[in-house]
Amino acid sequence: MKSNLILLSFLLILVSSAVKGQIIISSVPDSGTQCEKLTITVTGQNTNFVQGTSSVRLKQNGSYINSATDIVISQLQIQGVFFFNPDHSTGSYDVYAYNDGYPGEMILPDGFWLNPV
């Protein structure tokens, strides 16, 4: 009986650790200025970024700013190179990281602020 309880506890821990979702925990820097070229490093938790299938973008009110280049640093970090122009709206942006596979897109709400020139 005791061995069954130990086995059941082990399986519960194993399953719960595998079910943990992928999330973005930070974007550095978290602000920039119009007319600036900026590399933003996005750090995740339980992620598995892969070169060629992972990407970063910013979203505000339904409009996206896509990175020009995405560079995978590790399974937990990806960099997006952005060129901000005066047509990009200032203010708060959600940071999106896409990881091909599960769960797809991860979002860091209000993770980036774009300042005016």
C-alpha atoms as a PDB file:
ATOM      1  CA  MET A   1       0.000   0.000   0.000  1.00  0.00           C
ATOM      2  CA  LYS A   2       2.756   2.413   0.977  1.00  0.00           C
ATOM      3  CA  SER A   3       4.694   1.672  -2.227  1.00  0.00           C
ATOM      4  CA  ASN A   4       1.562   2.382  -4.300  1.00  0.00           C
ATOM      5  CA  LEU A   5       1.163   5.729  -2.561  1.00  0.00           C
ATOM      6  CA  ILE A   6       4.801   6.622  -3.251  1.00  0.00           C
ATOM      7  CA  LEU A   7       4.459   5.585  -6.895  1.00  0.00           C
ATOM      8  CA  LEU A   8       1.249   7.593  -7.271  1.00  0.00           C
ATOM      9  CA  SER A   9       2.890  10.660  -5.689  1.00  0.00           C
ATOM     10  CA  PHE A  10       5.874  10.344  -8.023  1.00  0.00           C
ATOM     11  CA  LEU A  11       3.614  10.103 -11.081  1.00  0.00           C
ATOM     12  CA  LEU A  12       1.610  13.131  -9.941  1.00  0.00           C
ATOM     13  CA  ILE A  13       4.794  15.205  -9.575  1.00  0.00           C
ATOM     14  CA  LEU A  14       6.066  14.017 -12.947  1.00  0.00           C
ATOM     15  CA  VAL A  15       2.816  14.857 -14.740  1.00  0.00           C
ATOM     16  CA  SER A  16       2.413  18.253 -13.058  1.00  0.00           C
ATOM     17  CA  SER A  17       5.963  19.293 -13.964  1.00  0.00           C
ATOM     18  CA  ALA A  18       5.404  18.290 -17.595  1.00  0.00           C
ATOM     19  CA  VAL A  19       2.161  20.262 -17.785  1.00  0.00           C
ATOM     20  CA  LYS A  20       3.721  23.580 -16.720  1.00  0.00           C
ATOM     21  CA  GLY A  21       3.088  26.136 -19.412  1.00  0.00           C
ATOM     22  CA  GLN A  22       5.576  28.147 -21.343  1.00  0.00           C
ATOM     23  CA  ILE A  23       5.568  31.814 -20.348  1.00  0.00           C
ATOM     24  CA  ILE A  24       7.538  34.984 -21.024  1.00  0.00           C
ATOM     25  CA  ILE A  25       9.028  36.374 -17.840  1.00  0.00           C
ATOM     26  CA  SER A  26      10.875  39.444 -19.171  1.00  0.00           C
ATOM     27  CA  SER A  27      11.858  41.623 -22.109  1.00  0.00           C
ATOM     28  CA  VAL A  28      15.112  43.595 -21.876  1.00  0.00           C
ATOM     29  CA  PRO A  29      15.196  46.443 -22.552  1.00  0.00           C
ATOM     30  CA  ASP A  30      11.547  47.095 -21.790  1.00  0.00           C
ATOM     31  CA  SER A  31      11.438  50.467 -23.559  1.00  0.00           C
ATOM     32  CA  GLY A  32      12.726  52.147 -26.689  1.00  0.00           C
ATOM     33  CA  THR A  33      12.323  55.254 -28.856  1.00  0.00           C
ATOM     34  CA  GLN A  34      10.914  55.852 -32.326  1.00  0.00           C
ATOM     35  CA  CYS A  35      13.628  55.984 -35.047  1.00  0.00           C
ATOM     36  CA  GLU A  36      15.775  53.552 -33.086  1.00  0.00           C
ATOM     37  CA  LYS A  37      17.223  50.155 -33.959  1.00  0.00           C
ATOM     38  CA  LEU A  38      16.909  48.017 -30.849  1.00  0.00           C
ATOM     39  CA  THR A  39      17.600  44.403 -29.949  1.00  0.00           C
ATOM     40  CA  ILE A  40      15.122  43.086 -27.392  1.00  0.00           C
ATOM     41  CA  THR A  41      15.969  39.946 -25.436  1.00  0.00           C
ATOM     42  CA  VAL A  42      12.934  37.925 -24.382  1.00  0.00           C
ATOM     43  CA  THR A  43      13.382  35.409 -21.595  1.00  0.00           C
ATOM     44  CA  GLY A  44      10.929  32.602 -21.064  1.00  0.00           C
ATOM     45  CA  GLN A  45      10.257  29.870 -18.577  1.00  0.00           C
ATOM     46  CA  ASN A  46       9.711  26.254 -19.669  1.00  0.00           C
ATOM     47  CA  THR A  47      10.342  27.354 -23.255  1.00  0.00           C
ATOM     48  CA  ASN A  48      12.238  25.666 -26.037  1.00  0.00           C
ATOM     49  CA  PHE A  49      13.097  28.349 -28.569  1.00  0.00           C
ATOM     50  CA  VAL A  50      14.498  26.958 -31.811  1.00  0.00           C
ATOM     51  CA  GLN A  51      16.301  28.915 -34.544  1.00  0.00           C
ATOM     52  CA  GLY A  52      14.153  29.261 -37.652  1.00  0.00           C
ATOM     53  CA  THR A  53      10.809  28.506 -36.000  1.00  0.00           C
ATOM     54  CA  SER A  54      10.686  30.979 -33.085  1.00  0.00           C
ATOM     55  CA  SER A  55      10.045  34.715 -33.341  1.00  0.00           C
ATOM     56  CA  VAL A  56       9.299  37.900 -31.398  1.00  0.00           C
ATOM     57  CA  ARG A  57       6.845  40.701 -32.141  1.00  0.00           C
ATOM     58  CA  LEU A  58       5.115  43.578 -30.405  1.00  0.00           C
ATOM     59  CA  LYS A  59       1.371  44.269 -30.466  1.00  0.00           C
ATOM     60  CA  GLN A  60      -0.664  47.360 -29.659  1.00  0.00           C
ATOM     61  CA  ASN A  61      -4.382  47.763 -30.403  1.00  0.00           C
ATOM     62  CA  GLY A  62      -4.397  45.042 -33.057  1.00  0.00           C
ATOM     63  CA  SER A  63      -1.280  46.317 -34.880  1.00  0.00           C
ATOM     64  CA  TYR A  64       1.985  44.400 -34.864  1.00  0.00           C
ATOM     65  CA  ILE A  65       5.598  45.463 -35.113  1.00  0.00           C
ATOM     66  CA  ASN A  66       7.508  42.428 -36.341  1.00  0.00           C
ATOM     67  CA  SER A  67      11.175  41.927 -35.663  1.00  0.00           C
ATOM     68  CA  ALA A  68      13.503  42.203 -38.635  1.00  0.00           C
ATOM     69  CA  THR A  69      15.642  39.336 -37.347  1.00  0.00           C
ATOM     70  CA  ASP A  70      15.177  36.719 -34.645  1.00  0.00           C
ATOM     71  CA  ILE A  71      18.174  35.148 -32.934  1.00  0.00           C
ATOM     72  CA  VAL A  72      17.781  32.206 -30.573  1.00  0.00           C
ATOM     73  CA  ILE A  73      20.251  32.545 -27.711  1.00  0.00           C
ATOM     74  CA  SER A  74      19.161  29.433 -25.812  1.00  0.00           C
ATOM     75  CA  GLN A  75      16.065  27.353 -25.125  1.00  0.00           C
ATOM     76  CA  LEU A  76      15.005  30.087 -22.690  1.00  0.00           C
ATOM     77  CA  GLN A  77      16.047  33.254 -24.589  1.00  0.00           C
ATOM     78  CA  ILE A  78      15.393  34.766 -27.972  1.00  0.00           C
ATOM     79  CA  GLN A  79      16.346  38.178 -29.353  1.00  0.00           C
ATOM     80  CA  GLY A  80      14.346  40.233 -31.787  1.00  0.00           C
ATOM     81  CA  VAL A  81      15.969  43.077 -33.752  1.00  0.00           C
ATOM     82  CA  PHE A  82      13.493  45.926 -34.230  1.00  0.00           C
ATOM     83  CA  PHE A  83      13.594  49.078 -36.355  1.00  0.00           C
ATOM     84  CA  PHE A  84      11.165  51.597 -34.874  1.00  0.00           C
ATOM     85  CA  ASN A  85      10.006  54.422 -37.124  1.00  0.00           C
ATOM     86  CA  PRO A  86       7.910  57.566 -36.498  1.00  0.00           C
ATOM     87  CA  ASP A  87       4.798  55.797 -37.846  1.00  0.00           C
ATOM     88  CA  HIS A  88       4.850  53.307 -34.972  1.00  0.00           C
ATOM     89  CA  SER A  89       2.462  54.406 -32.223  1.00  0.00           C
ATOM     90  CA  THR A  90       4.003  55.323 -28.903  1.00  0.00           C
ATOM     91  CA  GLY A  91       2.889  53.744 -25.666  1.00  0.00           C
ATOM     92  CA  SER A  92       2.567  50.273 -24.241  1.00  0.00           C
ATOM     93  CA  TYR A  93       2.971  47.092 -26.302  1.00  0.00           C
ATOM     94  CA  ASP A  94       2.372  43.454 -25.477  1.00  0.00           C
ATOM     95  CA  VAL A  95       5.418  41.294 -26.198  1.00  0.00           C
ATOM     96  CA  TYR A  96       4.672  38.137 -28.189  1.00  0.00           C
ATOM     97  CA  ALA A  97       7.081  35.247 -28.568  1.00  0.00           C
ATOM     98  CA  TYR A  98       6.157  32.469 -30.951  1.00  0.00           C
ATOM     99  CA  ASN A  99       7.504  29.011 -30.384  1.00  0.00           C
ATOM    100  CA  ASP A 100       6.683  26.489 -33.086  1.00  0.00           C
ATOM    101  CA  GLY A 101       5.004  23.669 -31.269  1.00  0.00           C
ATOM    102  CA  TYR A 102       3.098  23.990 -28.053  1.00  0.00           C
ATOM    103  CA  PRO A 103       1.652  26.354 -26.948  1.00  0.00           C
ATOM    104  CA  GLY A 104       2.447  28.546 -29.933  1.00  0.00           C
ATOM    105  CA  GLU A 105       2.317  32.191 -28.890  1.00  0.00           C
ATOM    106  CA  MET A 106       3.206  33.422 -25.437  1.00  0.00           C
ATOM    107  CA  ILE A 107       2.333  36.950 -24.317  1.00  0.00           C
ATOM    108  CA  LEU A 108       3.900  39.364 -21.833  1.00  0.00           C
ATOM    109  CA  PRO A 109       1.191  42.034 -21.395  1.00  0.00           C
ATOM    110  CA  ASP A 110       2.515  45.614 -21.426  1.00  0.00           C
ATOM    111  CA  GLY A 111       6.053  44.243 -21.640  1.00  0.00           C
ATOM    112  CA  PHE A 112       7.446  47.067 -23.800  1.00  0.00           C
ATOM    113  CA  TRP A 113       7.017  50.855 -23.963  1.00  0.00           C
ATOM    114  CA  LEU A 114       7.776  52.912 -27.104  1.00  0.00           C
ATOM    115  CA  ASN A 115       8.677  56.559 -26.491  1.00  0.00           C
ATOM    116  CA  PRO A 116       8.320  59.399 -29.016  1.00  0.00           C
ATOM    117  CA  VAL A 117      11.347  60.891 -30.775  1.00  0.00           C
END
